Structure formats: structure tokens, C-alpha cells
Amino acid sequence: MTGLFQGMHYVLKGFALITQKGIRPFVALPLLINILIFSAGIWLATSQVDRWMEQLLPTWLHWLEWLLWPLFILVIFFAVFYTFTMLANLIAAPFNALLAEQVEKHLNGLPVAEFQGFKSIPALITRTFRSEASKLWYMAKWGILLLLITIIPGVNIISPLAWTIFGAWMLAIEYADYPMGNHELYFKEELKTLKQHPAHALGFGWILSLITAIPILNFLAMPVGVAGGTALWVDELSKSHRNT
């Protein structure tokens, strides 16, 4: 429980970090990308939810509609917003890596690679694309299982809990990846390090999941996640990595 609450605290720390003077300029592009992507996600979820609900709810369970309707809405909105979160992070990955560098410099005072403007973006794209591809493949493997649970009548009652745990874990992976990637760690190493702190990861990811599902506030989820994930790396994950 201590680790769970500590993980939640890093989200609040992320909010504080993105307002710091030396960090604010690196928040602008991730924030703009997140606003555009999430605006599209909000429109899609609100305009299609009724049709999706009719398709997912089998006829023989209509008598339980009053009970299952809130659960299915939760699943639909969570799936849509998480998918758009992954898309936004894929597009903004190079800029998030720059933000993570500046946050780490602010936290521990250690020098980072000097910002070279947009000339540095091609190298960052090459470095982050492999990591994003690995995360997407990992997400797809588990996502298929969750989708099967969601569409199987009866079994799909547990799908909201399964999606919640999965989403929290994936968001922790997503945002802890940027500082670890800056230290040239690959996905398997990152996953191994996070598995040593499951409570921290789930607490951190769960609060980010809530923020992601709240309109307007979800625009800040990406930069807050990057900043909070970097703080989690500096305080906890980096120590475990050095000991492995």
C-alpha cells in the first residue's frame, strides 16, 4: 500500500514540475499534440457510444442493461481514451524525451545533452521509434486478450477491472520509458525494472488513467505523465536498475 500511494504522489509531483521555469518551454509541444488528439478522441467517444453499446450488449442480457450500461460505458471510454493516449504519445515521443531530459536535470542537477533545437529531432525519432514499437506490440498482445474478455457474454462483466489494471500498467510503462530511454535502456530492461516496483507503477498509472478520462484535465496528462515518470525514475527506478 505504501508503494501504491507513493506512485500516486508522483502524478502530483508531475503537475508541480511542468510549471517550473526551465521546464515550461519543453511542455508546449507535447501539450499541443495532446489537446489535438484528445479533442478527436472526445468527439469519437461521445458520438459513437450508443451504437457501440448496442453491439456489445447481447440480446439475452438486455434485462440487466440497467446494471451493465455503466460498466460498458466505462470500458468504451477507457478503451477509446487509452488508444488515443498511445497515439498522442507515439506522435509526441521525441518531444517527450526532451521534456524528460530537462525534468531529470532539474531534479538531480546532472548535466544532460545540450538542446540542439529541431536538429536533434531526427536522432530522437530513431531512438524513440523502436521503444514505441515495442510498447505497441506488448500492448497489442495483452489487448487482444482483453478484447476477447470484453465481447464474451458473461465473462465481460470483469472487463472493466481488467482494463483498469491493464491501462494503469501500460501508462506507467509509457511514461517511465522516456527517462529510461534517455539512459539507453531498451524495452525489456525497462519492463524488468518496473516489475520490481509494481505497486509504484500501478498507483502512478491509475491516477494518470483517471486524469486521462476527465475532459480538459486530460490535456495535461501527457506532460504530467512524462514529468512524474521521470521523478519516479530518479527517486526509485534508477536505484533498482543500478542494483541489477
C-alpha atoms as a PDB file:
ATOM      1  CA  MET A   1       0.000   0.000   0.000  1.00  0.00           C
ATOM      2  CA  THR A   2       2.903   2.352   0.727  1.00  0.00           C
ATOM      3  CA  GLY A   3       4.247   1.877  -2.791  1.00  0.00           C
ATOM      4  CA  LEU A   4       0.775   2.374  -4.260  1.00  0.00           C
ATOM      5  CA  PHE A   5       0.323   5.750  -2.557  1.00  0.00           C
ATOM      6  CA  GLN A   6       3.877   6.787  -3.369  1.00  0.00           C
ATOM      7  CA  GLY A   7       3.190   6.023  -7.024  1.00  0.00           C
ATOM      8  CA  MET A   8       0.071   8.227  -6.896  1.00  0.00           C
ATOM      9  CA  HIS A   9       2.145  11.027  -5.386  1.00  0.00           C
ATOM     10  CA  TYR A  10       4.395  11.163  -8.464  1.00  0.00           C
ATOM     11  CA  VAL A  11       1.452  12.329 -10.562  1.00  0.00           C
ATOM     12  CA  LEU A  12       1.019  15.319  -8.246  1.00  0.00           C
ATOM     13  CA  LYS A  13       4.749  15.893  -8.460  1.00  0.00           C
ATOM     14  CA  GLY A  14       4.435  15.902 -12.242  1.00  0.00           C
ATOM     15  CA  PHE A  15       1.902  18.743 -12.055  1.00  0.00           C
ATOM     16  CA  ALA A  16       4.334  20.783  -9.969  1.00  0.00           C
ATOM     17  CA  LEU A  17       7.313  20.053 -12.222  1.00  0.00           C
ATOM     18  CA  ILE A  18       5.755  21.196 -15.505  1.00  0.00           C
ATOM     19  CA  THR A  19       5.251  24.680 -14.052  1.00  0.00           C
ATOM     20  CA  GLN A  20       8.971  25.176 -13.317  1.00  0.00           C
ATOM     21  CA  LYS A  21      10.653  27.966 -15.245  1.00  0.00           C
ATOM     22  CA  GLY A  22      13.276  25.895 -17.082  1.00  0.00           C
ATOM     23  CA  ILE A  23      10.819  23.129 -17.931  1.00  0.00           C
ATOM     24  CA  ARG A  24       7.807  25.098 -19.212  1.00  0.00           C
ATOM     25  CA  PRO A  25       9.177  25.669 -22.775  1.00  0.00           C
ATOM     26  CA  PHE A  26       9.505  21.901 -23.276  1.00  0.00           C
ATOM     27  CA  VAL A  27       5.872  21.332 -22.241  1.00  0.00           C
ATOM     28  CA  ALA A  28       4.366  23.380 -25.083  1.00  0.00           C
ATOM     29  CA  LEU A  29       4.597  20.892 -27.984  1.00  0.00           C
ATOM     30  CA  PRO A  30       3.517  17.755 -26.043  1.00  0.00           C
ATOM     31  CA  LEU A  31       0.615  19.768 -24.636  1.00  0.00           C
ATOM     32  CA  LEU A  32      -0.488  20.977 -28.081  1.00  0.00           C
ATOM     33  CA  ILE A  33      -0.310  17.460 -29.548  1.00  0.00           C
ATOM     34  CA  ASN A  34      -2.298  16.073 -26.626  1.00  0.00           C
ATOM     35  CA  ILE A  35      -5.010  18.718 -26.997  1.00  0.00           C
ATOM     36  CA  LEU A  36      -5.483  17.938 -30.689  1.00  0.00           C
ATOM     37  CA  ILE A  37      -5.510  14.145 -30.280  1.00  0.00           C
ATOM     38  CA  PHE A  38      -7.773  14.108 -27.225  1.00  0.00           C
ATOM     39  CA  SER A  39     -10.233  16.512 -28.835  1.00  0.00           C
ATOM     40  CA  ALA A  40     -10.627  13.943 -31.597  1.00  0.00           C
ATOM     41  CA  GLY A  41     -10.982  11.146 -29.018  1.00  0.00           C
ATOM     42  CA  ILE A  42     -13.673  13.001 -27.080  1.00  0.00           C
ATOM     43  CA  TRP A  43     -15.676  13.590 -30.250  1.00  0.00           C
ATOM     44  CA  LEU A  44     -15.408   9.925 -31.302  1.00  0.00           C
ATOM     45  CA  ALA A  45     -16.371   8.529 -27.888  1.00  0.00           C
ATOM     46  CA  THR A  46     -19.374  10.805 -27.383  1.00  0.00           C
ATOM     47  CA  SER A  47     -20.722  10.388 -30.918  1.00  0.00           C
ATOM     48  CA  GLN A  48     -20.398   6.593 -31.157  1.00  0.00           C
ATOM     49  CA  VAL A  49     -21.010   5.301 -27.617  1.00  0.00           C
ATOM     50  CA  ASP A  50     -24.705   4.422 -28.158  1.00  0.00           C
ATOM     51  CA  ARG A  51     -24.005   2.358 -31.282  1.00  0.00           C
ATOM     52  CA  TRP A  52     -21.112   0.511 -29.651  1.00  0.00           C
ATOM     53  CA  MET A  53     -23.222  -0.240 -26.598  1.00  0.00           C
ATOM     54  CA  GLU A  54     -25.927  -1.867 -28.736  1.00  0.00           C
ATOM     55  CA  GLN A  55     -23.347  -4.043 -30.485  1.00  0.00           C
ATOM     56  CA  LEU A  56     -21.527  -5.138 -27.313  1.00  0.00           C
ATOM     57  CA  LEU A  57     -24.557  -5.937 -25.163  1.00  0.00           C
ATOM     58  CA  PRO A  58     -26.056  -9.311 -26.181  1.00  0.00           C
ATOM     59  CA  THR A  59     -29.840  -9.517 -26.536  1.00  0.00           C
ATOM     60  CA  TRP A  60     -30.269 -12.093 -23.799  1.00  0.00           C
ATOM     61  CA  LEU A  61     -28.649  -9.720 -21.265  1.00  0.00           C
ATOM     62  CA  HIS A  62     -30.887  -6.736 -22.036  1.00  0.00           C
ATOM     63  CA  TRP A  63     -32.779  -7.336 -18.808  1.00  0.00           C
ATOM     64  CA  LEU A  64     -29.510  -6.449 -16.989  1.00  0.00           C
ATOM     65  CA  GLU A  65     -28.999  -3.335 -19.073  1.00  0.00           C
ATOM     66  CA  TRP A  66     -29.524  -1.008 -16.112  1.00  0.00           C
ATOM     67  CA  LEU A  67     -26.584  -2.664 -14.336  1.00  0.00           C
ATOM     68  CA  LEU A  68     -24.263  -3.333 -17.260  1.00  0.00           C
ATOM     69  CA  TRP A  69     -24.709   0.014 -19.014  1.00  0.00           C
ATOM     70  CA  PRO A  70     -22.369   1.963 -16.658  1.00  0.00           C
ATOM     71  CA  LEU A  71     -19.783  -0.835 -16.858  1.00  0.00           C
ATOM     72  CA  PHE A  72     -19.812  -0.876 -20.662  1.00  0.00           C
ATOM     73  CA  ILE A  73     -19.585   2.901 -20.828  1.00  0.00           C
ATOM     74  CA  LEU A  74     -16.514   2.709 -18.609  1.00  0.00           C
ATOM     75  CA  VAL A  75     -14.941   0.089 -20.874  1.00  0.00           C
ATOM     76  CA  ILE A  76     -15.695   2.035 -24.064  1.00  0.00           C
ATOM     77  CA  PHE A  77     -14.428   5.360 -22.801  1.00  0.00           C
ATOM     78  CA  PHE A  78     -11.359   3.761 -21.247  1.00  0.00           C
ATOM     79  CA  ALA A  79     -10.506   1.883 -24.443  1.00  0.00           C
ATOM     80  CA  VAL A  80     -11.015   4.935 -26.660  1.00  0.00           C
ATOM     81  CA  PHE A  81      -9.086   7.337 -24.479  1.00  0.00           C
ATOM     82  CA  TYR A  82      -6.273   4.871 -23.861  1.00  0.00           C
ATOM     83  CA  THR A  83      -5.951   4.235 -27.598  1.00  0.00           C
ATOM     84  CA  PHE A  84      -5.757   7.957 -28.257  1.00  0.00           C
ATOM     85  CA  THR A  85      -3.242   8.308 -25.426  1.00  0.00           C
ATOM     86  CA  MET A  86      -0.966   5.813 -27.149  1.00  0.00           C
ATOM     87  CA  LEU A  87      -1.395   7.632 -30.468  1.00  0.00           C
ATOM     88  CA  ALA A  88      -0.576  11.002 -28.900  1.00  0.00           C
ATOM     89  CA  ASN A  89       2.491   9.588 -27.188  1.00  0.00           C
ATOM     90  CA  LEU A  90       3.682   7.990 -30.414  1.00  0.00           C
ATOM     91  CA  ILE A  91       3.490  11.310 -32.257  1.00  0.00           C
ATOM     92  CA  ALA A  92       4.991  13.331 -29.384  1.00  0.00           C
ATOM     93  CA  ALA A  93       7.661  10.786 -28.380  1.00  0.00           C
ATOM     94  CA  PRO A  94      10.724  12.845 -29.425  1.00  0.00           C
ATOM     95  CA  PHE A  95       9.423  15.944 -27.650  1.00  0.00           C
ATOM     96  CA  ASN A  96       8.587  13.912 -24.543  1.00  0.00           C
ATOM     97  CA  ALA A  97      12.155  12.615 -24.465  1.00  0.00           C
ATOM     98  CA  LEU A  98      13.410  16.200 -24.467  1.00  0.00           C
ATOM     99  CA  LEU A  99      10.992  17.086 -21.672  1.00  0.00           C
ATOM    100  CA  ALA A 100      12.189  14.101 -19.614  1.00  0.00           C
ATOM    101  CA  GLU A 101      15.803  15.230 -20.032  1.00  0.00           C
ATOM    102  CA  GLN A 102      15.036  18.675 -18.710  1.00  0.00           C
ATOM    103  CA  VAL A 103      12.998  17.347 -15.780  1.00  0.00           C
ATOM    104  CA  GLU A 104      15.820  14.995 -14.786  1.00  0.00           C
ATOM    105  CA  LYS A 105      18.320  17.813 -14.989  1.00  0.00           C
ATOM    106  CA  HIS A 106      16.076  19.909 -12.740  1.00  0.00           C
ATOM    107  CA  LEU A 107      15.690  17.088 -10.197  1.00  0.00           C
ATOM    108  CA  ASN A 108      19.259  15.909  -9.785  1.00  0.00           C
ATOM    109  CA  GLY A 109      21.332  18.744 -11.228  1.00  0.00           C
ATOM    110  CA  LEU A 110      23.268  16.412 -13.509  1.00  0.00           C
ATOM    111  CA  PRO A 111      24.081  17.675 -16.998  1.00  0.00           C
ATOM    112  CA  VAL A 112      22.106  16.357 -19.929  1.00  0.00           C
ATOM    113  CA  ALA A 113      22.771  16.618 -23.637  1.00  0.00           C
ATOM    114  CA  GLU A 114      22.520  20.249 -24.627  1.00  0.00           C
ATOM    115  CA  PHE A 115      19.356  21.048 -26.547  1.00  0.00           C
ATOM    116  CA  GLN A 116      20.193  21.453 -30.213  1.00  0.00           C
ATOM    117  CA  GLY A 117      16.823  22.724 -31.352  1.00  0.00           C
ATOM    118  CA  PHE A 118      14.987  20.904 -34.103  1.00  0.00           C
ATOM    119  CA  LYS A 119      18.297  19.478 -35.378  1.00  0.00           C
ATOM    120  CA  SER A 120      18.125  16.936 -32.566  1.00  0.00           C
ATOM    121  CA  ILE A 121      14.676  15.667 -33.539  1.00  0.00           C
ATOM    122  CA  PRO A 122      15.746  13.112 -36.239  1.00  0.00           C
ATOM    123  CA  ALA A 123      18.066  11.319 -33.807  1.00  0.00           C
ATOM    124  CA  LEU A 124      15.366  11.292 -31.138  1.00  0.00           C
ATOM    125  CA  ILE A 125      12.829   9.886 -33.600  1.00  0.00           C
ATOM    126  CA  THR A 126      15.158   6.996 -34.420  1.00  0.00           C
ATOM    127  CA  ARG A 127      15.778   6.270 -30.748  1.00  0.00           C
ATOM    128  CA  THR A 128      12.166   6.508 -29.615  1.00  0.00           C
ATOM    129  CA  PHE A 129      10.519   4.719 -32.555  1.00  0.00           C
ATOM    130  CA  ARG A 130      11.983   1.348 -31.556  1.00  0.00           C
ATOM    131  CA  SER A 131      10.778   1.839 -27.991  1.00  0.00           C
ATOM    132  CA  GLU A 132       7.277   2.902 -29.080  1.00  0.00           C
ATOM    133  CA  ALA A 133       7.032  -0.078 -31.442  1.00  0.00           C
ATOM    134  CA  SER A 134       7.980  -2.448 -28.612  1.00  0.00           C
ATOM    135  CA  LYS A 135       5.347  -0.910 -26.331  1.00  0.00           C
ATOM    136  CA  LEU A 136       2.673  -1.161 -29.015  1.00  0.00           C
ATOM    137  CA  TRP A 137       3.466  -4.824 -29.618  1.00  0.00           C
ATOM    138  CA  TYR A 138       3.353  -5.543 -25.888  1.00  0.00           C
ATOM    139  CA  MET A 139       0.042  -3.680 -25.611  1.00  0.00           C
ATOM    140  CA  ALA A 140      -1.411  -5.492 -28.628  1.00  0.00           C
ATOM    141  CA  LYS A 141      -0.670  -8.955 -27.206  1.00  0.00           C
ATOM    142  CA  TRP A 142      -2.478  -8.244 -23.936  1.00  0.00           C
ATOM    143  CA  GLY A 143      -5.070  -6.023 -25.596  1.00  0.00           C
ATOM    144  CA  ILE A 144      -6.309  -8.906 -27.752  1.00  0.00           C
ATOM    145  CA  LEU A 145      -6.960 -10.975 -24.636  1.00  0.00           C
ATOM    146  CA  LEU A 146      -8.831  -8.088 -23.009  1.00  0.00           C
ATOM    147  CA  LEU A 147     -10.934  -7.540 -26.117  1.00  0.00           C
ATOM    148  CA  LEU A 148     -11.928 -11.211 -26.063  1.00  0.00           C
ATOM    149  CA  ILE A 149     -12.937 -10.870 -22.422  1.00  0.00           C
ATOM    150  CA  THR A 150     -14.952  -7.761 -23.307  1.00  0.00           C
ATOM    151  CA  ILE A 151     -17.024  -9.409 -26.058  1.00  0.00           C
ATOM    152  CA  ILE A 152     -17.666 -12.811 -24.410  1.00  0.00           C
ATOM    153  CA  PRO A 153     -21.104 -12.686 -22.747  1.00  0.00           C
ATOM    154  CA  GLY A 154     -20.986 -13.229 -19.006  1.00  0.00           C
ATOM    155  CA  VAL A 155     -17.193 -13.069 -18.818  1.00  0.00           C
ATOM    156  CA  ASN A 156     -17.288  -9.438 -19.934  1.00  0.00           C
ATOM    157  CA  ILE A 157     -18.570  -8.412 -16.509  1.00  0.00           C
ATOM    158  CA  ILE A 158     -14.956  -8.470 -15.253  1.00  0.00           C
ATOM    159  CA  SER A 159     -13.660  -6.471 -18.215  1.00  0.00           C
ATOM    160  CA  PRO A 160     -13.793  -3.024 -16.519  1.00  0.00           C
ATOM    161  CA  LEU A 161     -11.460  -4.221 -13.739  1.00  0.00           C
ATOM    162  CA  ALA A 162      -9.162  -5.930 -16.245  1.00  0.00           C
ATOM    163  CA  TRP A 163      -8.990  -2.821 -18.439  1.00  0.00           C
ATOM    164  CA  THR A 164      -8.311  -0.628 -15.398  1.00  0.00           C
ATOM    165  CA  ILE A 165      -5.347  -2.704 -14.240  1.00  0.00           C
ATOM    166  CA  PHE A 166      -4.003  -3.075 -17.760  1.00  0.00           C
ATOM    167  CA  GLY A 167      -4.368   0.631 -18.504  1.00  0.00           C
ATOM    168  CA  ALA A 168      -2.604   1.660 -15.288  1.00  0.00           C
ATOM    169  CA  TRP A 169       0.287  -0.694 -16.010  1.00  0.00           C
ATOM    170  CA  MET A 170       0.640   0.456 -19.627  1.00  0.00           C
ATOM    171  CA  LEU A 171       0.581   4.140 -18.692  1.00  0.00           C
ATOM    172  CA  ALA A 172       3.338   3.508 -16.152  1.00  0.00           C
ATOM    173  CA  ILE A 173       5.366   1.800 -18.881  1.00  0.00           C
ATOM    174  CA  GLU A 174       4.606   4.594 -21.329  1.00  0.00           C
ATOM    175  CA  TYR A 175       5.780   7.471 -19.187  1.00  0.00           C
ATOM    176  CA  ALA A 176       8.650   5.786 -17.360  1.00  0.00           C
ATOM    177  CA  ASP A 177      10.018   4.860 -20.779  1.00  0.00           C
ATOM    178  CA  TYR A 178      11.126   8.387 -21.642  1.00  0.00           C
ATOM    179  CA  PRO A 179      13.687   8.907 -18.845  1.00  0.00           C
ATOM    180  CA  MET A 180      14.850   5.285 -19.089  1.00  0.00           C
ATOM    181  CA  GLY A 181      15.159   5.609 -22.854  1.00  0.00           C
ATOM    182  CA  ASN A 182      17.325   8.696 -22.353  1.00  0.00           C
ATOM    183  CA  HIS A 183      19.706   6.398 -20.475  1.00  0.00           C
ATOM    184  CA  GLU A 184      19.733   3.987 -23.417  1.00  0.00           C
ATOM    185  CA  LEU A 185      17.660   1.297 -21.729  1.00  0.00           C
ATOM    186  CA  TYR A 186      15.636  -0.919 -24.029  1.00  0.00           C
ATOM    187  CA  PHE A 187      12.082  -2.078 -23.503  1.00  0.00           C
ATOM    188  CA  LYS A 188      12.966  -5.437 -21.912  1.00  0.00           C
ATOM    189  CA  GLU A 189      15.237  -3.699 -19.402  1.00  0.00           C
ATOM    190  CA  GLU A 190      12.576  -1.083 -18.672  1.00  0.00           C
ATOM    191  CA  LEU A 191       9.946  -3.764 -18.123  1.00  0.00           C
ATOM    192  CA  LYS A 192      12.243  -5.690 -15.791  1.00  0.00           C
ATOM    193  CA  THR A 193      12.908  -2.538 -13.749  1.00  0.00           C
ATOM    194  CA  LEU A 194       9.218  -1.642 -13.458  1.00  0.00           C
ATOM    195  CA  LYS A 195       8.324  -5.179 -12.370  1.00  0.00           C
ATOM    196  CA  GLN A 196      10.478  -4.585  -9.298  1.00  0.00           C
ATOM    197  CA  HIS A 197       8.107  -1.745  -8.327  1.00  0.00           C
ATOM    198  CA  PRO A 198       4.618  -2.991  -9.314  1.00  0.00           C
ATOM    199  CA  ALA A 199       2.793  -1.011  -6.620  1.00  0.00           C
ATOM    200  CA  HIS A 200       4.533   2.257  -7.545  1.00  0.00           C
ATOM    201  CA  ALA A 201       3.772   1.620 -11.222  1.00  0.00           C
ATOM    202  CA  LEU A 202       0.089   0.776 -10.702  1.00  0.00           C
ATOM    203  CA  GLY A 203      -0.505   3.710  -8.328  1.00  0.00           C
ATOM    204  CA  PHE A 204       1.153   6.103 -10.766  1.00  0.00           C
ATOM    205  CA  GLY A 205      -0.662   4.668 -13.787  1.00  0.00           C
ATOM    206  CA  TRP A 206      -4.047   4.508 -12.066  1.00  0.00           C
ATOM    207  CA  ILE A 207      -4.110   8.224 -11.232  1.00  0.00           C
ATOM    208  CA  LEU A 208      -2.979   9.010 -14.769  1.00  0.00           C
ATOM    209  CA  SER A 209      -5.849   6.843 -16.053  1.00  0.00           C
ATOM    210  CA  LEU A 210      -8.305   8.940 -14.063  1.00  0.00           C
ATOM    211  CA  ILE A 211      -6.807  12.156 -15.397  1.00  0.00           C
ATOM    212  CA  THR A 212      -6.946  10.747 -18.928  1.00  0.00           C
ATOM    213  CA  ALA A 213     -10.694  10.142 -18.561  1.00  0.00           C
ATOM    214  CA  ILE A 214     -11.503  13.651 -17.280  1.00  0.00           C
ATOM    215  CA  PRO A 215     -12.240  16.160 -20.077  1.00  0.00           C
ATOM    216  CA  ILE A 216      -9.998  19.250 -20.150  1.00  0.00           C
ATOM    217  CA  LEU A 217      -7.749  17.849 -17.420  1.00  0.00           C
ATOM    218  CA  ASN A 218      -6.747  15.045 -19.780  1.00  0.00           C
ATOM    219  CA  PHE A 219      -4.985  17.604 -21.974  1.00  0.00           C
ATOM    220  CA  LEU A 220      -2.306  17.809 -19.268  1.00  0.00           C
ATOM    221  CA  ALA A 221      -1.973  14.035 -18.855  1.00  0.00           C
ATOM    222  CA  MET A 222       0.961  13.667 -21.255  1.00  0.00           C
ATOM    223  CA  PRO A 223       3.366  16.321 -19.895  1.00  0.00           C
ATOM    224  CA  VAL A 224       2.359  15.494 -16.314  1.00  0.00           C
ATOM    225  CA  GLY A 225       2.964  11.803 -17.007  1.00  0.00           C
ATOM    226  CA  VAL A 226       6.391  12.453 -18.508  1.00  0.00           C
ATOM    227  CA  ALA A 227       7.434  14.706 -15.610  1.00  0.00           C
ATOM    228  CA  GLY A 228       6.016  12.367 -12.959  1.00  0.00           C
ATOM    229  CA  GLY A 229       7.519   9.305 -14.631  1.00  0.00           C
ATOM    230  CA  THR A 230      10.900  10.995 -14.711  1.00  0.00           C
ATOM    231  CA  ALA A 231      10.644  11.785 -10.996  1.00  0.00           C
ATOM    232  CA  LEU A 232       9.726   8.137 -10.366  1.00  0.00           C
ATOM    233  CA  TRP A 233      12.817   7.083 -12.319  1.00  0.00           C
ATOM    234  CA  VAL A 234      15.124   9.435 -10.417  1.00  0.00           C
ATOM    235  CA  ASP A 235      13.793   8.522  -6.955  1.00  0.00           C
ATOM    236  CA  GLU A 236      13.040   4.802  -7.278  1.00  0.00           C
ATOM    237  CA  LEU A 237      13.582   3.038 -10.594  1.00  0.00           C
ATOM    238  CA  SER A 238      17.151   4.165 -11.241  1.00  0.00           C
ATOM    239  CA  LYS A 239      18.269   2.740  -7.894  1.00  0.00           C
ATOM    240  CA  SER A 240      16.799  -0.658  -8.712  1.00  0.00           C
ATOM    241  CA  HIS A 241      18.388  -0.610 -12.148  1.00  0.00           C
ATOM    242  CA  ARG A 242      21.831   0.096 -10.715  1.00  0.00           C
ATOM    243  CA  ASN A 243      21.451  -2.849  -8.352  1.00  0.00           C
ATOM    244  CA  THR A 244      20.588  -5.350 -11.099  1.00  0.00           C
END
